């Protein structure tokens, strides 16, 4: 039996190329793990185990990949099983975004990132569970039940891309795609002991991603190592004519060369003692790897979370307004148009989604637009400028990825306490910067701890090299 849980994309690719392993064998092992564990962990919403006129099954994809490798036409991702978050469109497949509102929606086209994966010969094994419309920090908000952390099923895997992270940890896929609006790739990566990367805004096309907050959303990879994450990123990045804001990283990428890590110590408040100790240990490793450590002052960082929770709900309110039971989404009959809207949206949206729609509608309403939304954008621009100024002095900014390790189900019933899980991650989305969470040891309970490196615009490629330097490779 193939040990998928410890097999990397890089190693599997080498084995496939040498003929020591076939994609059919690899995918079969993943399917067996799904069959054995998914009922308990609730990771996959749909496994692509049968072919349809519009899409091939995972095993049929694997057979095609094996032929491609045999003919010398393989790429680094050919034959590699990849799990896809349930808000990324795939032709002929349901894309519910973890919501009853889109429970029966079937995509009519492939997202740009899916086109790229298919072209590379990756095996798309299925769609995985998520917080409804990507709203959450724990994957407890899915309409289809919570995802459990494979490392400790009594704890959350993080959110909103918890299903993506859990699929890799559980050996159900070798890599996965998630979306990150305020930390929804990096936080689950930290909770599950993976590498999770949020690219520079729009270096990966958002075409075919169900919109939550359009100025913040970004698709990115999950993997066991930075090298694996880079393989996925290199595949899905690129200019897309269907996304008017899409950028070509190949023409823009930069490589920081100061070898200085910035530490905003004033911002490291409310962090668990073990994570702080791990953070200090990481700084010592960086020093040994040749980096200089510099304390930096970033007074606007403390406003990141409140700014995020004004701008993001406002965009949520706008993007989800189309899901009304008339134009799109679940429909409940009523005595009037207003009654249809009320019943459809009440039945289709879960509590957290409704909460954010209401908050977003409020901050956009007459009398509050200037007081909240406009002011939040002014502070957002100040946060962007602050990062730009800091990166004139340092290569990267280092913080813990999260203030705690993975928490237990139901532990954070207060929404504000849940929102605080994102305190270190939201600033990268507000500023459009690339950021990566790298595994950095474990707590006394054996729970993973992640460290987050944020780089300047278009420094995406350089972030993947940090893990090797920390390991002295």
Protein backbone atom coordinates (compact mmCIF):
# COMPACT_ATOMS: atom_id res chain seq x y z
CA UNK A 1 0.00 0.00 0.00
CA UNK A 2 1.34 3.42 -0.97
CA UNK A 3 1.96 5.74 1.99
CA UNK A 4 0.18 8.74 0.50
CA UNK A 5 0.23 10.65 3.79
CA UNK A 6 4.02 10.95 3.66
CA UNK A 7 4.49 11.07 -0.10
CA UNK A 8 5.29 14.44 -1.62
CA UNK A 9 4.35 15.68 -5.09
CA UNK A 10 8.04 16.04 -5.92
CA UNK A 11 8.84 12.44 -4.93
CA UNK A 12 5.72 11.00 -6.56
CA UNK A 13 6.59 12.83 -9.78
CA UNK A 14 10.06 11.29 -9.81
CA UNK A 15 8.61 7.81 -9.19
CA UNK A 16 6.03 8.26 -11.95
CA UNK A 17 8.70 9.37 -14.40
CA UNK A 18 10.95 6.40 -13.55
CA UNK A 19 8.07 3.92 -13.80
CA UNK A 20 8.31 2.97 -10.12
CA UNK A 21 4.71 4.04 -9.63
CA UNK A 22 1.69 4.58 -11.84
CA UNK A 23 -0.89 7.32 -11.51
CA UNK A 24 -3.61 4.65 -11.38
CA UNK A 25 -1.90 3.10 -8.33
CA UNK A 26 -1.47 6.50 -6.68
CA UNK A 27 -5.04 7.62 -7.30
CA UNK A 28 -6.38 4.24 -6.19
CA UNK A 29 -4.54 4.62 -2.88
CA UNK A 30 -6.07 8.08 -2.39
CA UNK A 31 -9.54 6.74 -3.24
CA UNK A 32 -9.07 3.95 -0.72
CA UNK A 33 -8.17 6.47 1.99
CA UNK A 34 -11.25 8.51 1.10
CA UNK A 35 -13.44 5.43 1.28
CA UNK A 36 -11.96 4.48 4.66
CA UNK A 37 -11.96 7.89 6.39
CA UNK A 38 -14.32 10.33 4.71
CA UNK A 39 -17.46 9.24 6.51
CA UNK A 40 -15.87 10.19 9.84
CA UNK A 41 -13.92 13.28 8.72
CA UNK A 42 -16.49 14.75 6.26
CA UNK A 43 -13.80 16.12 3.94
CA UNK A 44 -15.07 15.30 0.44
CA UNK A 45 -18.48 16.45 -0.71
CA UNK A 46 -18.04 14.62 -4.00
CA UNK A 47 -15.47 12.11 -5.20
CA UNK A 48 -15.03 11.92 -8.96
CA UNK A 49 -15.22 8.15 -9.15
CA UNK A 50 -17.47 7.90 -12.21
CA UNK A 51 -17.15 9.38 -15.69
CA UNK A 52 -19.76 11.61 -17.32
CA UNK A 53 -19.99 13.04 -20.86
CA UNK A 54 -18.45 16.28 -19.55
CA UNK A 55 -15.80 14.97 -17.16
CA UNK A 56 -13.65 11.90 -16.68
CA UNK A 57 -13.43 9.98 -13.44
CA UNK A 58 -10.30 10.23 -11.33
CA UNK A 59 -9.14 6.77 -12.45
CA UNK A 60 -9.81 7.56 -16.11
CA UNK A 61 -7.81 10.77 -15.70
CA UNK A 62 -5.03 8.69 -14.13
CA UNK A 63 -5.00 6.28 -17.08
CA UNK A 64 -4.63 9.18 -19.50
CA UNK A 65 -1.85 10.62 -17.31
CA UNK A 66 0.03 7.31 -17.33
CA UNK A 67 -0.07 7.25 -21.13
CA UNK A 68 1.15 10.83 -21.24
CA UNK A 69 4.08 10.04 -18.92
CA UNK A 70 4.89 6.91 -20.92
CA UNK A 71 5.08 9.02 -24.07
CA UNK A 72 7.44 11.50 -22.42
CA UNK A 73 4.87 14.30 -22.31
CA UNK A 74 4.45 14.56 -18.55
CA UNK A 75 4.83 17.64 -16.38
CA UNK A 76 5.61 17.87 -12.68
CA UNK A 77 1.87 17.54 -11.97
CA UNK A 78 0.94 14.86 -14.49
CA UNK A 79 -0.76 12.00 -12.66
CA UNK A 80 -0.79 13.80 -9.29
CA UNK A 81 -4.16 13.71 -7.44
CA UNK A 82 -5.37 17.19 -6.44
CA UNK A 83 -8.43 18.10 -4.33
CA UNK A 84 -10.46 21.20 -5.20
CA UNK A 85 -12.31 23.53 -2.83
CA UNK A 86 -16.05 23.56 -3.46
CA UNK A 87 -16.09 27.20 -4.64
CA UNK A 88 -13.95 26.61 -7.76
CA UNK A 89 -15.91 25.80 -10.93
CA UNK A 90 -15.43 22.53 -12.82
CA UNK A 91 -17.44 21.78 -15.95
CA UNK A 92 -20.33 19.40 -15.30
CA UNK A 93 -19.70 19.28 -11.57
CA UNK A 94 -21.67 20.78 -8.72
CA UNK A 95 -20.15 23.84 -7.08
CA UNK A 96 -22.18 24.56 -3.96
CA UNK A 97 -19.67 26.75 -2.07
CA UNK A 98 -20.65 24.81 1.04
CA UNK A 99 -24.17 26.28 0.90
CA UNK A 100 -27.74 25.06 0.48
CA UNK A 101 -28.27 28.13 -1.69
CA UNK A 102 -26.19 26.58 -4.49
CA UNK A 103 -26.77 22.94 -3.58
CA UNK A 104 -27.83 21.96 -7.12
CA UNK A 105 -25.73 24.41 -9.13
CA UNK A 106 -23.71 22.67 -11.87
CA UNK A 107 -20.82 24.58 -13.43
CA UNK A 108 -20.91 25.18 -17.17
CA UNK A 109 -17.21 26.01 -17.53
CA UNK A 110 -13.85 25.38 -15.91
CA UNK A 111 -12.20 27.97 -13.70
CA UNK A 112 -8.89 29.20 -15.10
CA UNK A 113 -6.94 27.25 -12.46
CA UNK A 114 -8.81 24.06 -13.39
CA UNK A 115 -7.95 24.60 -17.06
CA UNK A 116 -4.30 24.93 -16.06
CA UNK A 117 -4.36 21.77 -13.90
CA UNK A 118 -6.02 19.77 -16.65
CA UNK A 119 -3.50 21.00 -19.20
CA UNK A 120 -0.69 19.90 -16.88
CA UNK A 121 -2.25 16.45 -16.58
CA UNK A 122 -3.11 16.63 -12.86
CA UNK A 123 -5.80 14.26 -11.64
CA UNK A 124 -8.69 16.18 -10.10
CA UNK A 125 -9.96 13.71 -7.55
CA UNK A 126 -12.98 15.54 -6.11
CA UNK A 127 -14.43 18.64 -4.45
CA UNK A 128 -13.94 19.22 -0.75
CA UNK A 129 -15.97 20.78 2.04
CA UNK A 130 -15.61 24.40 3.15
CA UNK A 131 -17.19 27.12 5.26
CA UNK A 132 -20.29 28.42 3.48
CA UNK A 133 -19.22 30.91 0.79
CA UNK A 134 -15.74 30.83 2.39
CA UNK A 135 -16.98 32.62 5.53
CA UNK A 136 -15.31 31.17 8.60
CA UNK A 137 -12.11 30.27 10.39
CA UNK A 138 -12.89 26.68 11.31
CA UNK A 139 -14.98 24.93 8.61
CA UNK A 140 -17.77 24.59 11.15
CA UNK A 141 -20.06 26.74 8.98
CA UNK A 142 -20.63 24.38 6.06
CA UNK A 143 -24.24 23.53 5.25
CA UNK A 144 -23.03 19.93 4.89
CA UNK A 145 -21.54 19.59 8.35
CA UNK A 146 -18.13 20.44 9.82
CA UNK A 147 -14.82 19.00 8.64
CA UNK A 148 -12.73 17.28 11.31
CA UNK A 149 -8.99 17.72 11.65
CA UNK A 150 -7.38 14.36 10.72
CA UNK A 151 -4.63 14.97 13.29
CA UNK A 152 -7.20 15.25 16.11
CA UNK A 153 -10.86 14.78 15.11
CA UNK A 154 -12.03 16.66 18.21
CA UNK A 155 -10.49 19.83 16.73
CA UNK A 156 -11.19 22.00 13.71
CA UNK A 157 -8.95 21.92 10.63
CA UNK A 158 -9.20 25.69 10.25
CA UNK A 159 -11.25 27.58 7.71
CA UNK A 160 -12.61 28.32 5.32
CA UNK A 161 -10.47 25.93 3.26
CA UNK A 162 -10.48 23.27 5.97
CA UNK A 163 -11.52 20.52 3.59
CA UNK A 164 -8.60 21.28 1.27
CA UNK A 165 -6.06 21.13 4.10
CA UNK A 166 -7.61 18.03 5.67
CA UNK A 167 -7.61 16.14 2.36
CA UNK A 168 -3.82 16.42 2.09
CA UNK A 169 -3.14 15.56 5.74
CA UNK A 170 -5.44 12.53 5.55
CA UNK A 171 -3.68 11.13 2.48
CA UNK A 172 -6.71 11.67 0.24
CA UNK A 173 -4.77 13.87 -2.20
CA UNK A 174 -1.17 14.99 -2.62
CA UNK A 175 -2.08 18.65 -2.97
CA UNK A 176 -5.13 20.88 -2.96
CA UNK A 177 -6.45 24.25 -4.04
CA UNK A 178 -8.11 26.62 -1.61
CA UNK A 179 -9.16 30.25 -1.60
CA UNK A 180 -7.84 32.89 0.78
CA UNK A 181 -9.82 36.04 1.57
CA UNK A 182 -8.40 36.82 5.00
CA UNK A 183 -6.23 33.81 5.83
CA UNK A 184 -8.37 30.90 4.66
CA UNK A 185 -5.40 29.04 3.16
CA UNK A 186 -2.73 29.96 5.68
CA UNK A 187 -4.76 29.35 8.84
CA UNK A 188 -5.85 25.78 7.90
CA UNK A 189 -2.29 25.08 6.76
CA UNK A 190 -1.06 26.11 10.20
CA UNK A 191 -3.69 24.01 12.02
CA UNK A 192 -2.92 20.95 9.88
CA UNK A 193 0.88 21.19 9.66
CA UNK A 194 1.04 22.04 5.95
CA UNK A 195 2.46 24.71 3.70
CA UNK A 196 -0.26 27.11 2.54
CA UNK A 197 0.36 30.06 0.25
CA UNK A 198 -1.65 33.17 -0.65
CA UNK A 199 -0.22 34.68 -3.85
CA UNK A 200 0.07 38.34 -4.74
CA UNK A 201 -3.41 39.56 -5.62
CA UNK A 202 -4.38 38.54 -9.17
CA UNK A 203 -1.22 36.65 -10.08
CA UNK A 204 -3.62 33.68 -10.01
CA UNK A 205 -6.84 34.36 -11.90
CA UNK A 206 -10.13 34.53 -10.00
CA UNK A 207 -12.11 33.55 -13.09
CA UNK A 208 -14.33 30.64 -12.04
CA UNK A 209 -14.00 31.29 -8.31
CA UNK A 210 -17.31 31.95 -6.54
CA UNK A 211 -16.90 35.53 -5.37
CA UNK A 212 -16.96 36.29 -1.67
CA UNK A 213 -15.00 39.55 -1.43
CA UNK A 214 -13.64 40.45 -4.84
CA UNK A 215 -10.85 42.80 -3.76
CA UNK A 216 -9.51 40.23 -1.27
CA UNK A 217 -10.14 36.74 -2.69
CA UNK A 218 -7.20 34.74 -4.02
CA UNK A 219 -6.74 31.09 -5.02
CA UNK A 220 -3.63 29.31 -3.76
CA UNK A 221 -2.04 25.91 -3.01
CA UNK A 222 -1.84 23.51 -0.07
CA UNK A 223 0.98 20.97 0.06
CA UNK A 224 3.27 19.10 2.44
CA UNK A 225 6.37 21.08 1.46
CA UNK A 226 7.18 24.45 -0.04
CA UNK A 227 8.59 22.76 -3.13
CA UNK A 228 5.28 20.97 -3.67
CA UNK A 229 3.35 24.20 -3.14
CA UNK A 230 5.60 25.90 -5.69
CA UNK A 231 4.90 23.17 -8.25
CA UNK A 232 1.15 23.81 -7.92
CA UNK A 233 1.59 27.59 -7.89
CA UNK A 234 3.79 27.59 -10.99
CA UNK A 235 1.04 25.65 -12.77
CA UNK A 236 -1.95 27.82 -11.82
CA UNK A 237 -0.35 31.29 -12.01
CA UNK A 238 -0.51 33.27 -15.21
CA UNK A 239 -2.28 35.87 -17.28
CA UNK A 240 -5.97 35.20 -17.97
CA UNK A 241 -7.95 37.13 -20.55
CA UNK A 242 -11.17 36.31 -18.69
CA UNK A 243 -9.98 38.20 -15.58
CA UNK A 244 -9.49 41.89 -16.35
CA UNK A 245 -7.33 42.34 -13.24
CA UNK A 246 -5.11 39.33 -13.99
CA UNK A 247 -1.35 39.90 -13.94
CA UNK A 248 1.59 38.08 -15.51
CA UNK A 249 3.97 37.31 -12.64
CA UNK A 250 6.72 36.28 -15.06
CA UNK A 251 7.06 39.93 -16.08
CA UNK A 252 6.73 41.33 -12.57
CA UNK A 253 8.39 38.93 -10.11
CA UNK A 254 11.07 40.30 -7.81
CA UNK A 255 13.66 38.59 -5.65
CA UNK A 256 14.35 40.28 -2.29
CA UNK A 257 18.08 40.40 -1.54
CA UNK A 258 18.56 42.23 1.76
CA UNK A 259 18.37 39.03 3.88
CA UNK A 260 16.53 40.96 6.61
CA UNK A 261 13.43 39.72 8.45
CA UNK A 262 11.14 42.36 9.94
CA UNK A 263 9.38 41.58 13.23
CA UNK A 264 6.43 43.80 14.34
CA UNK A 265 6.78 42.92 18.02
CA UNK A 266 4.22 45.48 19.18
CA UNK A 267 1.63 43.53 17.22
CA UNK A 268 2.34 40.16 18.84
CA UNK A 269 -0.36 40.42 21.47
CA UNK A 270 -2.72 37.69 22.70
CA UNK A 271 -0.55 34.89 21.39
CA UNK A 272 -0.29 31.55 23.21
CA UNK A 273 2.96 31.18 25.18
CA UNK A 274 4.04 28.06 23.26
CA UNK A 275 3.56 29.80 19.92
CA UNK A 276 5.57 32.80 21.11
CA UNK A 277 8.38 30.50 22.22
CA UNK A 278 8.25 28.73 18.86
CA UNK A 279 8.40 32.15 17.19
CA UNK A 280 11.59 33.03 19.07
CA UNK A 281 13.08 29.66 18.14
CA UNK A 282 12.28 30.37 14.50
CA UNK A 283 14.08 33.70 14.73
CA UNK A 284 17.19 31.91 16.02
CA UNK A 285 17.04 29.47 13.10
CA UNK A 286 16.76 32.37 10.69
CA UNK A 287 19.82 33.99 12.22
CA UNK A 288 21.77 30.76 11.75
CA UNK A 289 20.56 30.67 8.14
CA UNK A 290 22.17 34.06 7.58
CA UNK A 291 19.22 36.42 8.04
CA UNK A 292 19.36 39.58 10.10
CA UNK A 293 16.40 40.23 12.40
CA UNK A 294 15.03 43.75 12.66
CA UNK A 295 12.21 44.97 14.88
CA UNK A 296 9.87 47.14 12.84
CA UNK A 297 7.12 49.55 13.81
CA UNK A 298 3.83 49.07 11.98
CA UNK A 299 1.23 51.11 13.88
CA UNK A 300 -1.51 50.57 11.29
CA UNK A 301 -1.42 46.77 11.60
CA UNK A 302 -3.69 46.86 14.64
CA UNK A 303 -6.45 48.27 12.43
CA UNK A 304 -6.26 45.41 9.93
CA UNK A 305 -8.93 43.26 11.52
CA UNK A 306 -11.59 45.98 11.97
CA UNK A 307 -10.90 47.29 8.45
CA UNK A 308 -11.22 43.75 7.08
CA UNK A 309 -14.53 43.20 8.85
CA UNK A 310 -15.95 46.33 7.25
CA UNK A 311 -14.70 45.92 3.67
CA UNK A 312 -15.20 42.17 3.42
CA UNK A 313 -18.89 42.08 4.57
CA UNK A 314 -19.66 45.04 2.31
CA UNK A 315 -18.36 43.10 -0.69
CA UNK A 316 -20.12 39.94 0.53
CA UNK A 317 -23.41 41.83 0.67
CA UNK A 318 -22.93 42.99 -2.92
CA UNK A 319 -21.67 39.69 -4.37
CA UNK A 320 -24.38 37.54 -2.77
CA UNK A 321 -27.23 39.89 -3.65
CA UNK A 322 -27.70 37.96 -6.92
CA UNK A 323 -28.57 34.81 -4.94
CA UNK A 324 -32.18 35.70 -4.29
CA UNK A 325 -34.32 32.79 -5.45
CA UNK A 326 -35.27 34.70 -8.59
CA UNK A 327 -32.07 35.08 -10.62
CA UNK A 328 -29.90 32.40 -8.99
CA UNK A 329 -29.93 29.96 -6.13
CA UNK A 330 -32.45 28.10 -4.01
CA UNK A 331 -36.07 29.22 -4.50
CA UNK A 332 -38.86 29.11 -1.95
CA UNK A 333 -42.32 30.10 -3.15
CA UNK A 334 -44.10 33.00 -1.50
CA UNK A 335 -47.12 35.24 -1.83
CA UNK A 336 -45.11 38.17 -3.21
CA UNK A 337 -41.69 38.89 -4.70
CA UNK A 338 -40.49 40.13 -1.31
CA UNK A 339 -41.83 36.97 0.34
CA UNK A 340 -39.91 34.82 -2.19
CA UNK A 341 -36.70 36.75 -1.51
CA UNK A 342 -37.14 36.52 2.25
CA UNK A 343 -37.95 32.81 2.32
CA UNK A 344 -35.31 31.83 -0.26
CA UNK A 345 -32.44 33.71 1.39
CA UNK A 346 -33.46 32.63 4.89
CA UNK A 347 -33.49 28.97 3.85
CA UNK A 348 -30.46 29.16 1.58
CA UNK A 349 -27.97 31.01 3.77
CA UNK A 350 -26.56 29.82 7.09
CA UNK A 351 -26.16 31.97 10.24
CA UNK A 352 -22.61 33.21 9.56
CA UNK A 353 -23.40 34.15 5.97
CA UNK A 354 -26.54 36.00 7.05
CA UNK A 355 -24.56 37.80 9.75
CA UNK A 356 -22.00 39.09 7.26
CA UNK A 357 -24.62 40.09 4.67
CA UNK A 358 -26.46 42.11 7.32
CA UNK A 359 -23.24 43.74 8.54
CA UNK A 360 -22.17 44.55 4.98
CA UNK A 361 -25.55 46.00 4.06
CA UNK A 362 -25.42 48.17 7.18
CA UNK A 363 -21.99 49.69 6.45
CA UNK A 364 -23.05 50.43 2.87
CA UNK A 365 -26.34 52.04 3.85
CA UNK A 366 -27.07 55.76 3.59
CA UNK A 367 -25.68 57.58 6.60
CA UNK A 368 -23.07 54.94 7.40
CA UNK A 369 -21.20 54.61 4.09
CA UNK A 370 -18.88 57.54 4.83
CA UNK A 371 -18.58 56.78 8.54
CA UNK A 372 -17.50 53.16 8.03
CA UNK A 373 -16.84 51.97 4.48
CA UNK A 374 -15.05 55.03 3.13
CA UNK A 375 -13.02 55.38 6.32
CA UNK A 376 -12.05 51.70 6.17
CA UNK A 377 -10.72 52.17 2.64
CA UNK A 378 -8.64 55.13 3.73
CA UNK A 379 -7.07 53.01 6.47
CA UNK A 380 -6.61 50.15 4.01
CA UNK A 381 -4.55 52.44 1.79
CA UNK A 382 -2.50 53.46 4.84
CA UNK A 383 -1.86 49.76 5.56
CA UNK A 384 -0.72 49.26 1.96
CA UNK A 385 1.63 52.22 2.19
CA UNK A 386 2.99 51.07 5.54
CA UNK A 387 3.93 47.70 4.06
CA UNK A 388 5.49 49.35 1.02
CA UNK A 389 7.65 51.52 3.28
CA UNK A 390 8.70 48.61 5.50
CA UNK A 391 9.78 46.54 2.50
CA UNK A 392 12.33 49.20 1.66
CA UNK A 393 14.12 48.07 4.84
CA UNK A 394 13.39 44.33 5.09
CA UNK A 395 12.78 41.35 2.78
CA UNK A 396 9.94 39.71 4.70
CA UNK A 397 7.70 40.29 7.69
CA UNK A 398 7.46 37.38 10.11
CA UNK A 399 4.58 36.66 12.50
CA UNK A 400 2.92 33.53 13.82
CA UNK A 401 0.25 32.41 11.37
CA UNK A 402 -2.35 32.13 14.13
CA UNK A 403 -2.46 33.15 17.80
CA UNK A 404 -3.43 29.58 18.86
CA UNK A 405 -3.13 26.03 17.63
CA UNK A 406 -6.20 24.19 16.32
CA UNK A 407 -9.07 24.65 18.76
CA UNK A 408 -11.86 22.24 19.64
CA UNK A 409 -15.27 22.26 18.02
CA UNK A 410 -17.62 24.78 19.63
CA UNK A 411 -14.78 26.39 21.57
CA UNK A 412 -15.20 29.79 19.90
CA UNK A 413 -18.94 30.45 20.02
CA UNK A 414 -18.43 34.21 20.25
CA UNK A 415 -18.06 35.47 16.64
CA UNK A 416 -15.56 38.13 17.70
CA UNK A 417 -13.30 35.52 19.29
CA UNK A 418 -13.52 33.50 16.08
CA UNK A 419 -12.66 36.55 13.98
CA UNK A 420 -9.52 37.12 16.10
CA UNK A 421 -8.12 33.88 14.64
CA UNK A 422 -7.37 35.92 11.51
CA UNK A 423 -5.53 38.74 13.24
CA UNK A 424 -2.12 37.97 11.65
CA UNK A 425 -3.36 36.95 8.22
CA UNK A 426 -5.84 39.62 7.03
CA UNK A 427 -3.25 42.36 6.46
CA UNK A 428 -1.70 40.48 3.49
CA UNK A 429 -5.10 40.37 1.79
CA UNK A 430 -5.77 44.04 2.49
CA UNK A 431 -2.41 44.99 0.96
CA UNK A 432 -2.58 42.40 -1.86
CA UNK A 433 0.72 40.86 -0.75
CA UNK A 434 1.99 37.28 -1.04
CA UNK A 435 2.22 35.34 2.23
CA UNK A 436 3.07 31.77 3.15
CA UNK A 437 2.49 29.65 6.24
CA UNK A 438 5.28 27.17 6.94
CA UNK A 439 5.16 24.37 9.56
CA UNK A 440 7.30 25.27 12.56
CA UNK A 441 7.15 22.44 15.04
CA UNK A 442 4.39 21.34 17.39
CA UNK A 443 2.88 22.27 20.74
CA UNK A 444 3.11 20.18 23.92
CA UNK A 445 -0.12 18.49 22.78
CA UNK A 446 1.46 17.58 19.47
CA UNK A 447 -0.56 20.15 17.52
CA UNK A 448 1.10 21.87 14.54
CA UNK A 449 2.34 25.46 14.75
CA UNK A 450 2.75 27.61 11.67
CA UNK A 451 4.87 30.70 10.97
CA UNK A 452 3.83 33.27 8.38
CA UNK A 453 6.21 35.08 6.06
CA UNK A 454 4.77 38.04 4.15
CA UNK A 455 6.74 39.42 1.21
CA UNK A 456 6.56 42.50 -0.99
CA UNK A 457 4.42 42.54 -4.13
CA UNK A 458 5.45 39.93 -6.70
CA UNK A 459 7.98 38.20 -4.43
CA UNK A 460 5.88 35.01 -4.55
CA UNK A 461 8.61 32.75 -5.93
CA UNK A 462 11.10 33.72 -3.21
CA UNK A 463 8.71 32.73 -0.41
CA UNK A 464 8.97 29.08 -1.35
CA UNK A 465 12.73 29.05 -0.69
CA UNK A 466 12.46 30.04 2.97
CA UNK A 467 11.49 26.60 4.30
CA UNK A 468 14.66 25.01 2.90
CA UNK A 469 16.79 27.76 4.42
CA UNK A 470 15.16 27.22 7.79
CA UNK A 471 15.99 23.52 7.54
CA UNK A 472 19.56 24.32 6.48
CA UNK A 473 19.13 22.63 3.09
